């Protein structure tokens, strides 16, 4: 059952231990959904507009970068946090260009929590911006 009073976070990681660790860190203050593949993430993104999406870079059916287009289409206000050990990969640059965050492995849990707090704020600002643009486009069309 969703709790709209808490920021929503989608955790995408195929490593069950890593995923459970992330969920344990986040569940007290966030409404957390967890999945283990790109396909499951796509399905989750179509069902709910997440504030934050934490993506592992390497997944069994793709990589975190494969989900960027889906984020833009299905959850445009979402901020992604790419968790990776591949800092110079072109996918990392695409995340940064979109305004998302990149967290290098290994990471300190307090750093992750700081990134999530920042991402929630960025998501709220992005959502407000999208709403204002829609209103402006509507008033210009009138």
N, C-alpha and C. Protein backbone atom coordinates (compact mmCIF):
# COMPACT_ATOMS: atom_id res chain seq x y z
N UNK A 1 0.84 -1.18 0.00
CA UNK A 1 0.00 0.00 0.00
C UNK A 1 0.89 1.25 0.00
N UNK A 2 0.65 2.14 -0.89
CA UNK A 2 1.44 3.36 -1.04
C UNK A 2 1.12 4.35 0.08
N UNK A 3 2.17 5.07 0.49
CA UNK A 3 2.00 6.12 1.49
C UNK A 3 2.37 7.45 0.83
N UNK A 4 1.38 8.20 0.33
CA UNK A 4 1.67 9.44 -0.39
C UNK A 4 2.28 10.53 0.49
N UNK A 5 2.26 10.35 1.81
CA UNK A 5 2.87 11.34 2.70
C UNK A 5 4.39 11.24 2.70
N UNK A 6 4.92 10.12 2.25
CA UNK A 6 6.37 9.92 2.21
C UNK A 6 6.86 10.02 0.77
N UNK A 7 8.09 10.53 0.57
CA UNK A 7 8.65 10.52 -0.79
C UNK A 7 8.77 9.08 -1.29
N UNK A 8 8.45 8.89 -2.56
CA UNK A 8 8.49 7.54 -3.14
C UNK A 8 9.85 7.28 -3.79
N UNK A 9 10.40 6.09 -3.51
CA UNK A 9 11.70 5.70 -4.03
C UNK A 9 11.59 4.33 -4.67
N UNK A 10 12.09 4.21 -5.88
CA UNK A 10 12.19 2.92 -6.57
C UNK A 10 13.66 2.50 -6.51
N UNK A 11 13.94 1.34 -5.95
CA UNK A 11 15.29 0.78 -5.88
C UNK A 11 15.39 -0.32 -6.92
N UNK A 12 16.34 -0.16 -7.85
CA UNK A 12 16.53 -1.13 -8.94
C UNK A 12 17.93 -1.71 -8.80
N UNK A 13 18.01 -2.96 -8.34
CA UNK A 13 19.30 -3.63 -8.18
C UNK A 13 19.07 -5.13 -8.22
N UNK A 14 19.86 -5.83 -9.00
CA UNK A 14 19.70 -7.28 -9.11
C UNK A 14 20.36 -8.03 -7.95
N UNK A 15 21.24 -7.38 -7.22
CA UNK A 15 21.90 -7.98 -6.06
C UNK A 15 20.95 -7.87 -4.87
N UNK A 16 20.41 -9.01 -4.45
CA UNK A 16 19.38 -9.02 -3.41
C UNK A 16 19.89 -8.39 -2.12
N UNK A 17 21.11 -8.70 -1.72
CA UNK A 17 21.66 -8.15 -0.48
C UNK A 17 21.80 -6.63 -0.57
N UNK A 18 22.32 -6.15 -1.69
CA UNK A 18 22.46 -4.70 -1.89
C UNK A 18 21.09 -4.03 -1.88
N UNK A 19 20.12 -4.64 -2.56
CA UNK A 19 18.77 -4.07 -2.63
C UNK A 19 18.13 -4.02 -1.24
N UNK A 20 18.26 -5.11 -0.48
CA UNK A 20 17.67 -5.15 0.85
C UNK A 20 18.35 -4.15 1.79
N UNK A 21 19.65 -3.94 1.61
CA UNK A 21 20.37 -2.95 2.41
C UNK A 21 19.85 -1.56 2.11
N UNK A 22 19.66 -1.24 0.83
CA UNK A 22 19.13 0.06 0.45
C UNK A 22 17.72 0.26 1.00
N UNK A 23 16.89 -0.75 0.89
CA UNK A 23 15.52 -0.66 1.40
C UNK A 23 15.53 -0.44 2.91
N UNK A 24 16.39 -1.15 3.63
CA UNK A 24 16.48 -0.99 5.08
C UNK A 24 16.90 0.43 5.46
N UNK A 25 17.80 1.02 4.68
CA UNK A 25 18.24 2.39 4.95
C UNK A 25 17.13 3.41 4.71
N UNK A 26 16.25 3.12 3.77
CA UNK A 26 15.28 4.11 3.30
C UNK A 26 13.88 3.97 3.87
N UNK A 27 13.49 2.79 4.28
CA UNK A 27 12.07 2.50 4.53
C UNK A 27 11.42 3.31 5.65
N UNK A 28 12.18 3.80 6.61
CA UNK A 28 11.54 4.57 7.69
C UNK A 28 10.99 5.91 7.21
N UNK A 29 11.70 6.55 6.28
CA UNK A 29 11.32 7.89 5.85
C UNK A 29 10.81 7.97 4.42
N UNK A 30 10.75 6.83 3.73
CA UNK A 30 10.37 6.83 2.32
C UNK A 30 9.42 5.67 2.02
N UNK A 31 8.62 5.84 1.00
CA UNK A 31 7.76 4.78 0.49
C UNK A 31 8.59 4.06 -0.58
N UNK A 32 9.12 2.89 -0.23
CA UNK A 32 10.11 2.22 -1.08
C UNK A 32 9.50 1.04 -1.83
N UNK A 33 9.79 0.99 -3.13
CA UNK A 33 9.46 -0.16 -3.98
C UNK A 33 10.78 -0.71 -4.47
N UNK A 34 10.93 -2.02 -4.48
CA UNK A 34 12.18 -2.63 -4.93
C UNK A 34 11.94 -3.61 -6.07
N UNK A 35 12.86 -3.57 -7.04
CA UNK A 35 12.82 -4.50 -8.17
C UNK A 35 14.25 -4.90 -8.52
N UNK A 36 14.38 -5.98 -9.31
CA UNK A 36 15.70 -6.52 -9.60
C UNK A 36 16.10 -6.53 -11.06
N UNK A 37 15.35 -5.84 -11.92
CA UNK A 37 15.69 -5.87 -13.35
C UNK A 37 15.16 -4.62 -14.04
N UNK A 38 15.66 -4.39 -15.25
CA UNK A 38 15.14 -3.27 -16.06
C UNK A 38 13.67 -3.48 -16.39
N UNK A 39 13.30 -4.71 -16.72
CA UNK A 39 11.90 -5.00 -17.08
C UNK A 39 10.97 -4.70 -15.92
N UNK A 40 11.34 -5.11 -14.72
CA UNK A 40 10.51 -4.84 -13.54
C UNK A 40 10.47 -3.34 -13.25
N UNK A 41 11.58 -2.65 -13.47
CA UNK A 41 11.62 -1.20 -13.26
C UNK A 41 10.69 -0.50 -14.24
N UNK A 42 10.69 -0.93 -15.50
CA UNK A 42 9.80 -0.33 -16.50
C UNK A 42 8.34 -0.48 -16.07
N UNK A 43 7.99 -1.64 -15.59
CA UNK A 43 6.62 -1.89 -15.13
C UNK A 43 6.28 -0.99 -13.94
N UNK A 44 7.19 -0.87 -12.99
CA UNK A 44 6.95 -0.03 -11.82
C UNK A 44 6.81 1.43 -12.22
N UNK A 45 7.65 1.89 -13.16
CA UNK A 45 7.61 3.29 -13.59
C UNK A 45 6.28 3.63 -14.28
N UNK A 46 5.68 2.65 -14.94
CA UNK A 46 4.39 2.88 -15.59
C UNK A 46 3.25 2.92 -14.58
N UNK A 47 3.48 2.36 -13.38
CA UNK A 47 2.40 2.28 -12.40
C UNK A 47 2.42 3.40 -11.36
N UNK A 48 3.54 4.10 -11.21
CA UNK A 48 3.63 5.10 -10.15
C UNK A 48 4.68 6.14 -10.48
N UNK A 49 4.43 7.42 -10.23
CA UNK A 49 5.44 8.46 -10.47
C UNK A 49 6.38 8.60 -9.27
N UNK A 50 7.50 7.94 -9.30
CA UNK A 50 8.45 7.96 -8.19
C UNK A 50 9.19 9.29 -8.12
N UNK A 51 9.46 9.73 -6.89
CA UNK A 51 10.27 10.93 -6.69
C UNK A 51 11.73 10.64 -7.02
N UNK A 52 12.20 9.48 -6.57
CA UNK A 52 13.61 9.11 -6.72
C UNK A 52 13.69 7.68 -7.23
N UNK A 53 14.62 7.45 -8.17
CA UNK A 53 14.88 6.10 -8.67
C UNK A 53 16.36 5.82 -8.47
N UNK A 54 16.66 4.83 -7.63
CA UNK A 54 18.05 4.44 -7.38
C UNK A 54 18.34 3.24 -8.28
N UNK A 55 19.28 3.44 -9.20
CA UNK A 55 19.57 2.42 -10.22
C UNK A 55 20.98 1.88 -10.09
N UNK A 56 21.09 0.57 -10.05
CA UNK A 56 22.39 -0.05 -10.21
C UNK A 56 22.76 0.06 -11.68
N UNK A 57 24.01 0.22 -11.99
CA UNK A 57 24.42 0.36 -13.38
C UNK A 57 24.24 -0.93 -14.15
N UNK A 58 24.76 -2.03 -13.60
CA UNK A 58 24.72 -3.31 -14.32
C UNK A 58 23.56 -4.15 -13.82
N UNK A 59 22.65 -4.46 -14.74
CA UNK A 59 21.49 -5.28 -14.43
C UNK A 59 21.45 -6.45 -15.40
N UNK A 60 20.76 -7.52 -15.07
CA UNK A 60 20.79 -8.72 -15.93
C UNK A 60 20.21 -8.50 -17.33
N UNK A 61 19.29 -7.55 -17.47
CA UNK A 61 18.64 -7.33 -18.76
C UNK A 61 18.90 -5.93 -19.31
N UNK A 62 20.03 -5.35 -18.96
CA UNK A 62 20.38 -4.02 -19.46
C UNK A 62 21.22 -3.28 -18.45
N UNK A 63 21.19 -1.96 -18.54
CA UNK A 63 21.88 -1.16 -17.53
C UNK A 63 21.02 0.04 -17.16
N UNK A 64 21.44 0.71 -16.12
CA UNK A 64 20.67 1.85 -15.63
C UNK A 64 20.39 2.88 -16.70
N UNK A 65 21.34 3.05 -17.61
CA UNK A 65 21.17 4.01 -18.69
C UNK A 65 20.03 3.67 -19.63
N UNK A 66 19.73 2.38 -19.73
CA UNK A 66 18.63 1.94 -20.59
C UNK A 66 17.28 2.51 -20.11
N UNK A 67 17.21 2.90 -18.85
CA UNK A 67 15.95 3.36 -18.28
C UNK A 67 15.75 4.87 -18.37
N UNK A 68 16.74 5.60 -18.85
CA UNK A 68 16.61 7.06 -18.91
C UNK A 68 15.42 7.51 -19.75
N UNK A 69 15.21 6.90 -20.91
CA UNK A 69 14.08 7.29 -21.76
C UNK A 69 12.75 7.00 -21.07
N UNK A 70 12.68 5.88 -20.36
CA UNK A 70 11.46 5.54 -19.64
C UNK A 70 11.20 6.54 -18.52
N UNK A 71 12.25 6.98 -17.85
CA UNK A 71 12.08 7.99 -16.80
C UNK A 71 11.49 9.26 -17.39
N UNK A 72 12.02 9.69 -18.51
CA UNK A 72 11.51 10.91 -19.13
C UNK A 72 10.05 10.76 -19.56
N UNK A 73 9.69 9.59 -20.08
CA UNK A 73 8.33 9.38 -20.58
C UNK A 73 7.33 9.10 -19.45
N UNK A 74 7.69 8.25 -18.51
CA UNK A 74 6.73 7.78 -17.52
C UNK A 74 6.79 8.51 -16.19
N UNK A 75 7.90 9.12 -15.89
CA UNK A 75 8.07 9.77 -14.59
C UNK A 75 9.04 10.94 -14.73
N UNK A 76 8.66 11.95 -15.52
CA UNK A 76 9.60 13.01 -15.88
C UNK A 76 10.13 13.84 -14.71
N UNK A 77 9.41 13.87 -13.59
CA UNK A 77 9.89 14.63 -12.44
C UNK A 77 10.86 13.83 -11.58
N UNK A 78 10.97 12.52 -11.85
CA UNK A 78 11.85 11.67 -11.06
C UNK A 78 13.30 12.09 -11.22
N UNK A 79 14.03 11.96 -10.12
CA UNK A 79 15.48 12.14 -10.14
C UNK A 79 16.09 10.76 -9.94
N UNK A 80 17.02 10.41 -10.79
CA UNK A 80 17.69 9.12 -10.69
C UNK A 80 19.01 9.28 -9.96
N UNK A 81 19.35 8.26 -9.19
CA UNK A 81 20.67 8.15 -8.59
C UNK A 81 21.28 6.88 -9.17
N UNK A 82 22.28 7.04 -10.03
CA UNK A 82 22.96 5.90 -10.62
C UNK A 82 24.08 5.47 -9.69
N UNK A 83 24.03 4.22 -9.26
CA UNK A 83 25.06 3.66 -8.39
C UNK A 83 25.98 2.83 -9.28
N UNK A 84 27.26 3.24 -9.36
CA UNK A 84 28.15 2.62 -10.32
C UNK A 84 29.62 2.65 -9.89
N UNK A 85 30.36 1.75 -10.45
CA UNK A 85 31.81 1.77 -10.33
C UNK A 85 32.42 2.18 -11.66
N UNK A 86 31.59 2.61 -12.61
CA UNK A 86 32.03 2.97 -13.97
C UNK A 86 31.90 4.48 -14.17
N UNK A 87 32.73 5.26 -13.50
CA UNK A 87 32.60 6.70 -13.49
C UNK A 87 32.77 7.40 -14.81
N UNK A 88 33.49 6.82 -15.77
CA UNK A 88 33.76 7.50 -17.04
C UNK A 88 32.92 6.99 -18.19
N UNK A 89 31.98 6.13 -17.93
CA UNK A 89 31.13 5.56 -18.97
C UNK A 89 30.23 6.65 -19.56
N UNK A 90 29.94 6.60 -20.87
CA UNK A 90 29.04 7.60 -21.47
C UNK A 90 27.65 7.65 -20.81
N UNK A 91 27.20 6.52 -20.26
CA UNK A 91 25.91 6.50 -19.57
C UNK A 91 25.94 7.43 -18.37
N UNK A 92 27.07 7.46 -17.67
CA UNK A 92 27.20 8.33 -16.50
C UNK A 92 27.05 9.79 -16.94
N UNK A 93 27.66 10.12 -18.06
CA UNK A 93 27.54 11.49 -18.58
C UNK A 93 26.09 11.82 -18.95
N UNK A 94 25.36 10.85 -19.50
CA UNK A 94 23.96 11.07 -19.85
C UNK A 94 23.14 11.36 -18.59
N UNK A 95 23.41 10.65 -17.51
CA UNK A 95 22.71 10.90 -16.25
C UNK A 95 22.98 12.31 -15.76
N UNK A 96 24.24 12.69 -15.77
CA UNK A 96 24.59 14.03 -15.29
C UNK A 96 23.98 15.11 -16.18
N UNK A 97 23.93 14.87 -17.49
CA UNK A 97 23.34 15.85 -18.41
C UNK A 97 21.85 16.02 -18.17
N UNK A 98 21.18 14.97 -17.72
CA UNK A 98 19.73 15.03 -17.44
C UNK A 98 19.46 15.72 -16.10
N UNK A 99 20.50 15.91 -15.31
CA UNK A 99 20.33 16.52 -14.00
C UNK A 99 20.19 15.52 -12.88
N UNK A 100 20.57 14.28 -13.15
CA UNK A 100 20.49 13.24 -12.14
C UNK A 100 21.81 13.16 -11.36
N UNK A 101 21.86 12.25 -10.40
CA UNK A 101 23.01 12.12 -9.52
C UNK A 101 23.72 10.79 -9.78
N UNK A 102 25.03 10.78 -9.56
CA UNK A 102 25.82 9.57 -9.73
C UNK A 102 26.56 9.31 -8.43
N UNK A 103 26.43 8.11 -7.91
CA UNK A 103 27.08 7.72 -6.66
C UNK A 103 28.05 6.58 -6.95
N UNK A 104 29.32 6.80 -6.65
CA UNK A 104 30.35 5.80 -6.93
C UNK A 104 30.36 4.71 -5.86
N UNK A 105 30.55 3.48 -6.31
CA UNK A 105 30.72 2.34 -5.41
C UNK A 105 32.18 2.25 -5.01
N UNK A 106 32.49 1.81 -3.83
CA UNK A 106 31.57 1.65 -2.70
C UNK A 106 31.21 3.00 -2.13
N UNK A 107 30.08 3.07 -1.42
CA UNK A 107 29.63 4.35 -0.88
C UNK A 107 29.28 4.20 0.59
N UNK A 108 29.36 5.32 1.28
CA UNK A 108 28.98 5.40 2.69
C UNK A 108 27.47 5.58 2.75
N UNK A 109 26.77 4.83 3.60
CA UNK A 109 25.31 4.97 3.69
C UNK A 109 24.85 6.40 3.97
N UNK A 110 25.61 7.16 4.74
CA UNK A 110 25.21 8.54 5.02
C UNK A 110 25.27 9.40 3.76
N UNK A 111 26.18 9.08 2.85
CA UNK A 111 26.26 9.80 1.58
C UNK A 111 25.04 9.47 0.73
N UNK A 112 24.66 8.20 0.69
CA UNK A 112 23.45 7.81 -0.05
C UNK A 112 22.24 8.55 0.49
N UNK A 113 22.08 8.59 1.80
CA UNK A 113 20.92 9.28 2.39
C UNK A 113 20.94 10.76 2.04
N UNK A 114 22.11 11.36 2.01
CA UNK A 114 22.23 12.76 1.61
C UNK A 114 21.82 12.94 0.16
N UNK A 115 22.25 12.04 -0.71
CA UNK A 115 21.87 12.09 -2.12
C UNK A 115 20.36 11.94 -2.28
N UNK A 116 19.76 11.04 -1.50
CA UNK A 116 18.32 10.83 -1.61
C UNK A 116 17.58 12.09 -1.16
N UNK A 117 18.01 12.71 -0.07
CA UNK A 117 17.37 13.97 0.37
C UNK A 117 17.47 15.03 -0.73
N UNK A 118 18.66 15.14 -1.33
CA UNK A 118 18.84 16.12 -2.41
C UNK A 118 17.95 15.77 -3.60
N UNK A 119 17.88 14.49 -3.94
CA UNK A 119 17.07 14.05 -5.08
C UNK A 119 15.59 14.33 -4.85
N UNK A 120 15.10 14.15 -3.63
CA UNK A 120 13.70 14.43 -3.33
C UNK A 120 13.42 15.92 -3.57
N UNK A 121 14.31 16.78 -3.11
CA UNK A 121 14.13 18.22 -3.32
C UNK A 121 14.18 18.58 -4.80
N UNK A 122 15.13 17.99 -5.52
CA UNK A 122 15.23 18.24 -6.97
C UNK A 122 13.98 17.76 -7.69
N UNK A 123 13.45 16.63 -7.27
CA UNK A 123 12.23 16.09 -7.88
C UNK A 123 11.05 17.03 -7.67
N UNK A 124 10.94 17.58 -6.46
CA UNK A 124 9.85 18.53 -6.19
C UNK A 124 9.99 19.78 -7.07
N UNK A 125 11.22 20.25 -7.21
CA UNK A 125 11.44 21.42 -8.07
C UNK A 125 11.15 21.10 -9.53
N UNK A 126 11.56 19.92 -9.99
CA UNK A 126 11.31 19.53 -11.37
C UNK A 126 9.81 19.39 -11.61
N UNK A 127 9.09 18.80 -10.65
CA UNK A 127 7.65 18.64 -10.78
C UNK A 127 6.96 20.00 -10.85
N UNK A 128 7.37 20.92 -9.98
CA UNK A 128 6.78 22.28 -10.00
C UNK A 128 7.07 22.96 -11.33
N UNK A 129 8.27 22.79 -11.84
CA UNK A 129 8.65 23.38 -13.12
C UNK A 129 7.79 22.81 -14.24
N UNK A 130 7.60 21.50 -14.26
CA UNK A 130 6.78 20.87 -15.29
C UNK A 130 5.33 21.35 -15.23
N UNK A 131 4.80 21.51 -14.02
CA UNK A 131 3.42 22.00 -13.85
C UNK A 131 3.29 23.44 -14.35
N UNK A 132 4.26 24.27 -14.02
CA UNK A 132 4.24 25.66 -14.48
C UNK A 132 4.34 25.75 -15.99
N UNK A 133 5.18 24.93 -16.58
CA UNK A 133 5.31 24.92 -18.05
C UNK A 133 4.00 24.50 -18.69
N UNK A 134 3.34 23.49 -18.11
CA UNK A 134 2.07 23.03 -18.66
C UNK A 134 1.01 24.13 -18.57
N UNK A 135 0.97 24.82 -17.42
CA UNK A 135 0.01 25.92 -17.27
C UNK A 135 0.31 27.05 -18.24
N UNK A 136 1.57 27.37 -18.40
CA UNK A 136 1.97 28.43 -19.32
C UNK A 136 1.61 28.05 -20.76
N UNK A 137 1.89 26.81 -21.13
CA UNK A 137 1.55 26.37 -22.49
C UNK A 137 0.05 26.42 -22.69
N UNK A 138 -0.73 26.07 -21.68
CA UNK A 138 -2.18 26.14 -21.77
C UNK A 138 -2.69 27.56 -21.92
N UNK A 139 -2.07 28.47 -21.17
CA UNK A 139 -2.54 29.87 -21.27
C UNK A 139 -2.11 30.52 -22.57
N UNK A 140 -0.98 30.09 -23.11
CA UNK A 140 -0.54 30.64 -24.41
C UNK A 140 -1.39 30.11 -25.56
N UNK A 141 -1.90 28.90 -25.39
CA UNK A 141 -2.74 28.30 -26.42
C UNK A 141 -4.15 28.91 -26.45
N UNK A 142 -4.53 29.53 -25.35
CA UNK A 142 -5.89 30.11 -25.26
C UNK A 142 -6.02 31.37 -26.05
